Each structure stands twice: as C-alpha cells, then as structure tokens.
N, C-alpha and C. Protein backbone atom coordinates (compact mmCIF):
# COMPACT_ATOMS: atom_id res chain seq x y z
N MET A 1 108.29 139.10 145.76
CA MET A 1 108.80 140.42 145.47
C MET A 1 107.62 141.38 145.25
N THR A 2 107.63 142.48 145.95
CA THR A 2 106.56 143.47 145.81
C THR A 2 106.60 144.12 144.44
N LEU A 3 105.42 144.33 143.88
CA LEU A 3 105.27 144.97 142.58
C LEU A 3 104.11 145.94 142.68
N HIS A 4 104.23 147.08 142.03
CA HIS A 4 103.17 148.09 142.04
C HIS A 4 102.46 148.11 140.69
N LEU A 5 101.32 148.80 140.67
CA LEU A 5 100.60 149.08 139.44
C LEU A 5 100.60 150.59 139.24
N ILE A 6 100.43 151.02 138.00
CA ILE A 6 100.29 152.43 137.70
C ILE A 6 99.14 152.58 136.73
N LYS A 7 98.32 153.62 136.92
CA LYS A 7 97.12 153.81 136.12
C LYS A 7 96.85 155.30 135.95
N MET A 8 96.28 155.66 134.81
CA MET A 8 95.88 157.04 134.56
C MET A 8 94.61 157.34 135.36
N SER A 9 94.55 158.51 135.95
CA SER A 9 93.34 158.96 136.61
C SER A 9 92.62 159.88 135.63
N VAL A 10 91.77 159.29 134.81
CA VAL A 10 91.11 159.99 133.71
C VAL A 10 90.05 160.95 134.25
N GLY A 11 90.04 162.16 133.74
CA GLY A 11 89.06 163.15 134.13
C GLY A 11 89.39 163.89 135.41
N THR A 12 90.53 163.61 136.00
CA THR A 12 90.95 164.27 137.23
C THR A 12 91.86 165.44 136.88
N GLU A 13 91.59 166.59 137.47
CA GLU A 13 92.37 167.79 137.18
C GLU A 13 93.65 167.91 138.01
N ASP A 14 93.58 167.49 139.28
CA ASP A 14 94.73 167.58 140.17
C ASP A 14 94.51 166.64 141.35
N LEU A 15 95.46 166.61 142.26
CA LEU A 15 95.38 165.71 143.41
C LEU A 15 94.15 166.02 144.27
N ASP A 16 93.86 167.29 144.49
CA ASP A 16 92.68 167.65 145.28
C ASP A 16 91.40 167.12 144.65
N ASP A 17 91.35 167.15 143.32
CA ASP A 17 90.18 166.64 142.61
C ASP A 17 90.03 165.13 142.84
N LEU A 18 91.13 164.39 142.81
CA LEU A 18 91.09 162.94 143.07
C LEU A 18 90.65 162.67 144.50
N ILE A 19 91.16 163.44 145.45
CA ILE A 19 90.77 163.27 146.85
C ILE A 19 89.27 163.52 147.01
N GLU A 20 88.76 164.56 146.39
CA GLU A 20 87.32 164.87 146.49
C GLU A 20 86.48 163.78 145.83
N HIS A 21 86.93 163.29 144.68
CA HIS A 21 86.22 162.20 144.00
C HIS A 21 86.14 160.97 144.89
N ARG A 22 87.24 160.61 145.54
CA ARG A 22 87.26 159.45 146.43
C ARG A 22 86.37 159.67 147.65
N ARG A 23 86.34 160.91 148.17
CA ARG A 23 85.49 161.21 149.32
C ARG A 23 84.01 161.04 148.97
N ARG A 24 83.59 161.58 147.83
CA ARG A 24 82.19 161.43 147.41
C ARG A 24 81.84 159.96 147.18
N ARG A 25 82.77 159.22 146.59
CA ARG A 25 82.52 157.81 146.32
C ARG A 25 82.38 157.02 147.62
N ARG A 26 83.20 157.36 148.62
CA ARG A 26 83.13 156.67 149.91
C ARG A 26 81.79 156.95 150.59
N GLU A 27 81.28 158.17 150.45
CA GLU A 27 79.97 158.50 151.00
C GLU A 27 78.89 157.63 150.36
N ARG A 28 78.99 157.42 149.05
CA ARG A 28 78.01 156.61 148.33
C ARG A 28 78.12 155.13 148.65
N GLU A 29 79.37 154.61 148.71
CA GLU A 29 79.58 153.17 148.81
C GLU A 29 79.80 152.66 150.22
N GLY A 30 80.03 153.54 151.18
CA GLY A 30 80.24 153.10 152.55
C GLY A 30 81.70 152.89 152.90
N ASP A 31 81.93 152.22 154.03
CA ASP A 31 83.27 152.11 154.58
C ASP A 31 84.09 150.92 154.08
N GLY A 32 83.57 150.11 153.20
CA GLY A 32 84.37 149.00 152.66
C GLY A 32 85.53 149.55 151.85
N PRO A 33 86.35 148.68 151.29
CA PRO A 33 87.49 149.16 150.51
C PRO A 33 87.05 149.96 149.29
N CYS A 34 87.90 150.85 148.86
CA CYS A 34 87.67 151.62 147.63
C CYS A 34 87.81 150.64 146.46
N ARG A 35 86.87 150.63 145.56
CA ARG A 35 86.91 149.69 144.43
C ARG A 35 87.15 150.44 143.12
N VAL A 36 88.08 149.90 142.35
CA VAL A 36 88.39 150.41 141.03
C VAL A 36 88.26 149.23 140.08
N TYR A 37 87.58 149.44 138.97
CA TYR A 37 87.35 148.37 138.01
C TYR A 37 88.28 148.54 136.82
N THR A 38 88.89 147.42 136.42
CA THR A 38 89.76 147.41 135.25
C THR A 38 89.51 146.12 134.48
N ARG A 39 89.82 146.11 133.24
CA ARG A 39 89.44 144.98 132.40
C ARG A 39 90.19 143.69 132.74
N HIS A 40 91.49 143.77 132.96
CA HIS A 40 92.30 142.56 133.09
C HIS A 40 92.88 142.38 134.49
N MET A 41 92.90 141.12 134.94
CA MET A 41 93.53 140.75 136.20
C MET A 41 95.04 140.67 135.99
N PRO A 42 95.84 141.30 136.85
CA PRO A 42 97.29 141.18 136.72
C PRO A 42 97.73 139.72 136.87
N ARG A 43 98.56 139.25 135.96
CA ARG A 43 99.08 137.88 136.07
C ARG A 43 99.96 137.72 137.29
N ARG A 44 100.62 138.78 137.67
CA ARG A 44 101.51 138.75 138.83
C ARG A 44 100.80 139.31 140.06
N HIS A 45 99.53 138.92 140.22
CA HIS A 45 98.71 139.48 141.30
C HIS A 45 99.28 139.18 142.69
N GLU A 46 99.95 138.05 142.86
CA GLU A 46 100.51 137.73 144.17
C GLU A 46 101.60 138.73 144.56
N ASP A 47 102.39 139.18 143.57
CA ASP A 47 103.42 140.19 143.84
C ASP A 47 102.80 141.54 144.17
N VAL A 48 101.70 141.87 143.52
CA VAL A 48 101.01 143.14 143.80
C VAL A 48 100.42 143.10 145.21
N LEU A 49 99.88 141.96 145.60
CA LEU A 49 99.27 141.83 146.93
C LEU A 49 100.31 141.75 148.05
N ASP A 50 101.58 141.63 147.69
CA ASP A 50 102.67 141.57 148.67
C ASP A 50 103.16 142.98 149.01
N GLY A 51 102.23 143.86 149.37
CA GLY A 51 102.60 145.22 149.78
C GLY A 51 102.59 146.24 148.66
N GLY A 52 102.00 145.91 147.52
CA GLY A 52 101.99 146.82 146.38
C GLY A 52 100.95 147.93 146.50
N SER A 53 101.13 148.95 145.71
CA SER A 53 100.22 150.09 145.64
C SER A 53 99.86 150.33 144.18
N ILE A 54 98.82 151.12 143.97
CA ILE A 54 98.53 151.61 142.63
C ILE A 54 98.89 153.08 142.63
N PHE A 55 99.70 153.48 141.67
CA PHE A 55 100.12 154.87 141.54
C PHE A 55 99.25 155.54 140.48
N TRP A 56 98.81 156.76 140.78
CA TRP A 56 97.88 157.49 139.91
C TRP A 56 98.61 158.59 139.14
N VAL A 57 98.44 158.57 137.81
CA VAL A 57 98.98 159.59 136.93
C VAL A 57 97.87 160.60 136.68
N ILE A 58 98.14 161.86 137.03
CA ILE A 58 97.17 162.93 136.85
C ILE A 58 97.82 164.02 136.00
N LYS A 59 97.22 164.28 134.83
CA LYS A 59 97.73 165.33 133.94
C LYS A 59 99.23 165.18 133.67
N GLY A 60 99.68 163.96 133.39
CA GLY A 60 101.06 163.72 132.99
C GLY A 60 102.06 163.58 134.12
N LEU A 61 101.58 163.58 135.37
CA LEU A 61 102.48 163.43 136.51
C LEU A 61 101.95 162.35 137.45
N VAL A 62 102.82 161.47 137.92
CA VAL A 62 102.44 160.55 138.99
C VAL A 62 102.31 161.42 140.24
N ARG A 63 101.12 161.41 140.87
CA ARG A 63 100.86 162.33 141.97
C ARG A 63 100.49 161.66 143.28
N ALA A 64 100.01 160.40 143.24
CA ALA A 64 99.54 159.77 144.47
C ALA A 64 99.55 158.26 144.31
N ARG A 65 99.40 157.59 145.45
CA ARG A 65 99.29 156.13 145.44
C ARG A 65 98.26 155.70 146.47
N GLN A 66 97.73 154.50 146.26
CA GLN A 66 96.84 153.85 147.21
C GLN A 66 97.30 152.41 147.36
N ARG A 67 97.30 151.90 148.58
CA ARG A 67 97.71 150.53 148.84
C ARG A 67 96.66 149.57 148.29
N VAL A 68 97.11 148.52 147.60
CA VAL A 68 96.22 147.50 147.06
C VAL A 68 95.94 146.48 148.17
N LEU A 69 94.66 146.30 148.48
CA LEU A 69 94.24 145.36 149.52
C LEU A 69 93.79 144.02 148.95
N GLY A 70 93.25 144.06 147.74
CA GLY A 70 92.75 142.83 147.13
C GLY A 70 92.57 142.97 145.64
N LEU A 71 92.59 141.86 144.95
CA LEU A 71 92.34 141.77 143.51
C LEU A 71 91.35 140.64 143.30
N LEU A 72 90.18 140.96 142.77
CA LEU A 72 89.12 139.96 142.63
C LEU A 72 88.61 139.93 141.20
N ARG A 73 88.18 138.77 140.77
CA ARG A 73 87.45 138.70 139.49
C ARG A 73 86.00 139.06 139.80
N GLY A 74 85.44 139.90 138.97
CA GLY A 74 84.08 140.34 139.22
C GLY A 74 83.45 140.93 137.98
N HIS A 75 82.47 141.80 138.21
CA HIS A 75 81.76 142.47 137.13
C HIS A 75 81.68 143.95 137.45
N ASP A 76 81.86 144.77 136.40
CA ASP A 76 81.77 146.21 136.60
C ASP A 76 80.30 146.61 136.71
N PRO A 77 80.01 147.88 136.99
CA PRO A 77 78.61 148.30 137.15
C PRO A 77 77.74 148.05 135.92
N GLU A 78 78.34 147.89 134.74
CA GLU A 78 77.58 147.58 133.51
C GLU A 78 77.43 146.08 133.27
N GLY A 79 77.97 145.24 134.17
CA GLY A 79 77.82 143.80 134.06
C GLY A 79 78.91 143.09 133.28
N ARG A 80 79.95 143.79 132.85
CA ARG A 80 81.04 143.16 132.10
C ARG A 80 82.04 142.53 133.06
N ALA A 81 82.61 141.38 132.65
CA ALA A 81 83.64 140.73 133.46
C ALA A 81 84.85 141.65 133.57
N CYS A 82 85.44 141.69 134.75
CA CYS A 82 86.58 142.58 134.97
C CYS A 82 87.37 142.14 136.19
N CYS A 83 88.39 142.91 136.50
CA CYS A 83 89.15 142.75 137.74
C CYS A 83 88.75 143.90 138.65
N VAL A 84 88.44 143.58 139.89
CA VAL A 84 88.10 144.60 140.88
C VAL A 84 89.32 144.80 141.77
N LEU A 85 89.86 146.02 141.74
CA LEU A 85 90.96 146.37 142.62
C LEU A 85 90.36 146.92 143.91
N GLU A 86 90.66 146.28 145.02
CA GLU A 86 90.21 146.79 146.31
C GLU A 86 91.38 147.57 146.91
N LEU A 87 91.14 148.86 147.18
CA LEU A 87 92.21 149.75 147.61
C LEU A 87 91.90 150.34 148.98
N ASP A 88 92.96 150.69 149.69
CA ASP A 88 92.84 151.44 150.92
C ASP A 88 92.29 152.82 150.55
N HIS A 89 91.46 153.40 151.40
CA HIS A 89 90.91 154.72 151.09
C HIS A 89 91.96 155.82 151.18
N ALA A 90 93.01 155.60 151.94
CA ALA A 90 94.03 156.64 152.12
C ALA A 90 94.80 156.87 150.83
N LEU A 91 94.81 158.10 150.38
CA LEU A 91 95.62 158.51 149.24
C LEU A 91 96.90 159.12 149.78
N VAL A 92 98.04 158.61 149.34
CA VAL A 92 99.34 159.11 149.79
C VAL A 92 99.93 159.92 148.64
N ALA A 93 100.16 161.21 148.88
CA ALA A 93 100.76 162.06 147.86
C ALA A 93 102.20 161.61 147.63
N THR A 94 102.61 161.63 146.37
CA THR A 94 103.99 161.28 146.02
C THR A 94 104.68 162.51 145.43
N GLU A 95 105.99 162.44 145.38
CA GLU A 95 106.71 163.49 144.66
C GLU A 95 106.27 163.42 143.20
N PRO A 96 105.89 164.54 142.60
CA PRO A 96 105.45 164.51 141.21
C PRO A 96 106.54 163.96 140.29
N GLN A 97 106.15 163.03 139.43
CA GLN A 97 107.10 162.42 138.50
C GLN A 97 106.43 162.33 137.13
N PRO A 98 107.06 162.86 136.08
CA PRO A 98 106.43 162.83 134.76
C PRO A 98 106.19 161.40 134.28
N HIS A 99 105.08 161.22 133.58
CA HIS A 99 104.78 159.92 132.98
C HIS A 99 103.90 160.16 131.76
N ARG A 100 104.26 159.52 130.66
CA ARG A 100 103.49 159.72 129.43
C ARG A 100 102.19 158.91 129.47
N PRO A 101 101.22 159.28 128.64
CA PRO A 101 99.92 158.59 128.65
C PRO A 101 100.02 157.13 128.20
N PHE A 102 99.09 156.33 128.70
CA PHE A 102 98.97 154.92 128.33
C PHE A 102 97.55 154.49 128.65
N GLN A 103 97.16 153.33 128.16
CA GLN A 103 95.82 152.81 128.45
C GLN A 103 95.91 151.69 129.46
N GLY A 104 94.84 151.53 130.23
CA GLY A 104 94.77 150.44 131.20
C GLY A 104 95.72 150.69 132.35
N TRP A 105 96.32 149.64 132.85
CA TRP A 105 97.29 149.75 133.93
C TRP A 105 98.59 149.12 133.45
N ARG A 106 99.67 149.41 134.15
CA ARG A 106 100.98 148.82 133.87
C ARG A 106 101.60 148.43 135.20
N TYR A 107 102.55 147.50 135.15
CA TYR A 107 103.34 147.20 136.34
C TYR A 107 104.32 148.34 136.55
N LEU A 108 104.66 148.58 137.81
CA LEU A 108 105.64 149.60 138.17
C LEU A 108 106.61 148.98 139.16
N ASP A 109 107.87 148.89 138.75
CA ASP A 109 108.90 148.36 139.62
C ASP A 109 109.09 149.29 140.81
N PRO A 110 109.22 148.76 142.02
CA PRO A 110 109.40 149.63 143.19
C PRO A 110 110.57 150.61 143.06
N ALA A 111 111.63 150.22 142.36
CA ALA A 111 112.78 151.11 142.18
C ALA A 111 112.43 152.33 141.32
N ALA A 112 111.42 152.21 140.46
CA ALA A 112 111.02 153.31 139.59
C ALA A 112 109.89 154.15 140.18
N ALA A 113 109.33 153.72 141.30
CA ALA A 113 108.21 154.42 141.91
C ALA A 113 108.68 155.71 142.57
N PRO A 114 107.91 156.79 142.42
CA PRO A 114 108.30 158.03 143.09
C PRO A 114 108.14 157.90 144.60
N PRO A 115 108.98 158.59 145.36
CA PRO A 115 108.86 158.53 146.82
C PRO A 115 107.62 159.27 147.31
N ASP A 116 107.17 158.92 148.51
CA ASP A 116 106.07 159.64 149.13
C ASP A 116 106.50 161.07 149.40
N ARG A 117 105.56 161.96 149.29
CA ARG A 117 105.81 163.37 149.57
C ARG A 117 105.79 163.57 151.08
N PRO A 118 106.74 164.29 151.65
CA PRO A 118 106.74 164.50 153.10
C PRO A 118 105.44 165.14 153.58
N ALA A 119 104.98 164.74 154.75
CA ALA A 119 103.74 165.26 155.32
C ALA A 119 103.84 166.77 155.48
N GLY A 120 102.72 167.46 155.22
CA GLY A 120 102.68 168.91 155.40
C GLY A 120 103.22 169.69 154.23
N THR A 121 103.64 168.99 153.16
CA THR A 121 104.17 169.68 151.99
C THR A 121 103.03 169.92 151.02
N GLY A 122 102.74 171.16 150.75
CA GLY A 122 101.67 171.49 149.81
C GLY A 122 102.20 171.57 148.40
N ASP A 123 101.31 171.72 147.45
CA ASP A 123 101.70 171.92 146.06
C ASP A 123 101.88 173.42 145.84
N GLU A 124 103.11 173.89 145.98
CA GLU A 124 103.38 175.31 145.85
C GLU A 124 103.32 175.75 144.39
N LEU A 125 103.63 174.87 143.46
CA LEU A 125 103.67 175.21 142.05
C LEU A 125 102.56 174.47 141.30
N PRO A 126 102.01 175.09 140.26
CA PRO A 126 101.00 174.40 139.45
C PRO A 126 101.59 173.17 138.77
N PRO A 127 100.78 172.12 138.55
CA PRO A 127 101.29 170.89 137.94
C PRO A 127 102.01 171.11 136.61
N ARG A 128 101.49 172.02 135.77
CA ARG A 128 102.13 172.25 134.47
C ARG A 128 103.55 172.79 134.65
N LEU A 129 103.71 173.72 135.57
CA LEU A 129 105.04 174.29 135.84
C LEU A 129 105.97 173.24 136.43
N LEU A 130 105.45 172.41 137.35
CA LEU A 130 106.24 171.32 137.92
C LEU A 130 106.76 170.39 136.82
N ARG A 131 105.86 170.03 135.90
CA ARG A 131 106.22 169.13 134.80
C ARG A 131 107.32 169.76 133.94
N GLU A 132 107.17 171.04 133.60
CA GLU A 132 108.16 171.71 132.76
C GLU A 132 109.51 171.79 133.45
N LEU A 133 109.51 172.11 134.74
CA LEU A 133 110.77 172.19 135.49
C LEU A 133 111.46 170.83 135.58
N ARG A 134 110.69 169.75 135.76
CA ARG A 134 111.27 168.41 135.80
C ARG A 134 111.84 168.03 134.42
N GLU A 135 111.11 168.37 133.35
CA GLU A 135 111.60 168.05 132.02
C GLU A 135 112.91 168.79 131.71
N LEU A 136 113.07 169.97 132.27
CA LEU A 136 114.30 170.74 132.09
C LEU A 136 115.41 170.30 133.03
N GLY A 137 115.09 169.39 133.95
CA GLY A 137 116.09 168.90 134.89
C GLY A 137 116.36 169.84 136.04
N LEU A 138 115.45 170.77 136.28
CA LEU A 138 115.64 171.75 137.34
C LEU A 138 115.06 171.30 138.68
N LEU A 139 114.26 170.28 138.66
CA LEU A 139 113.70 169.72 139.91
C LEU A 139 114.00 168.23 139.97
C-alpha cells in the first residue's frame, strides 16, 4: 500500500522560494537525486517506496510534493547518523491545504493528500489569504 510523507519546509517563504532553493542545490550537487536529510528512517519505508511522495508544508499550507526515489541510512553533512531521502528533482505543485506545524516528518495517508494543482495554474492569491479563505470554508 502506497504511503506518503509530509514535512515542514523550514525557512521557505513560498513555492517559488522552494523551487529556487532546489535549483541552486542541484547546481551544487549535480544531476543525482535530490537529497534531504532527516533523523529517523520510516519504519514503513517499503510502503513509502511503493510510489510515495514527500509533501512540503510552507507557511502553514501543503504546497508541493516530490516523488520519493530511495530511503538510505547514512550521515548528514555534519557526520551524524540519519536517513537520506532521495527525491525526484521535479516539484509538483498541489492544491494548497492548511496544515499545522510539527517537527520532523509524518506519514500521510494518500486519501488525505491534497491533489496536484492543474498545470498552468498560478498562485493568484497570497498564501495568507488562501489560508484564511480555506479556514472560513470559502475555498
């Protein structure tokens, strides 16, 4: 059964900021998979590797996802033991969905995952306004 992960994108202002951060990182690291370091290996890693993605929460909204290609035990740049998430470089915008803050990563059931945003759809409204409209049930 496919299972997703969800994680906060700390220090990211909006989706464009995350895209730019990933672009700069790819220039530095080359064409291999995008690597994200996290402390713990998911116990249900086989379910995540069965077509799962990691969904990114930016400023209180789930805004994008990346397909998970691999999960490895390794060491972060400071030499600490960790889990290395190998991700596809492609960021897929999702329909904005509110999510409260949390630490680390969490599992995300596919039924609870926001749908992909249709191609060519820009962010017409600022994230704060989108969040308020969703909280009011207007979107």
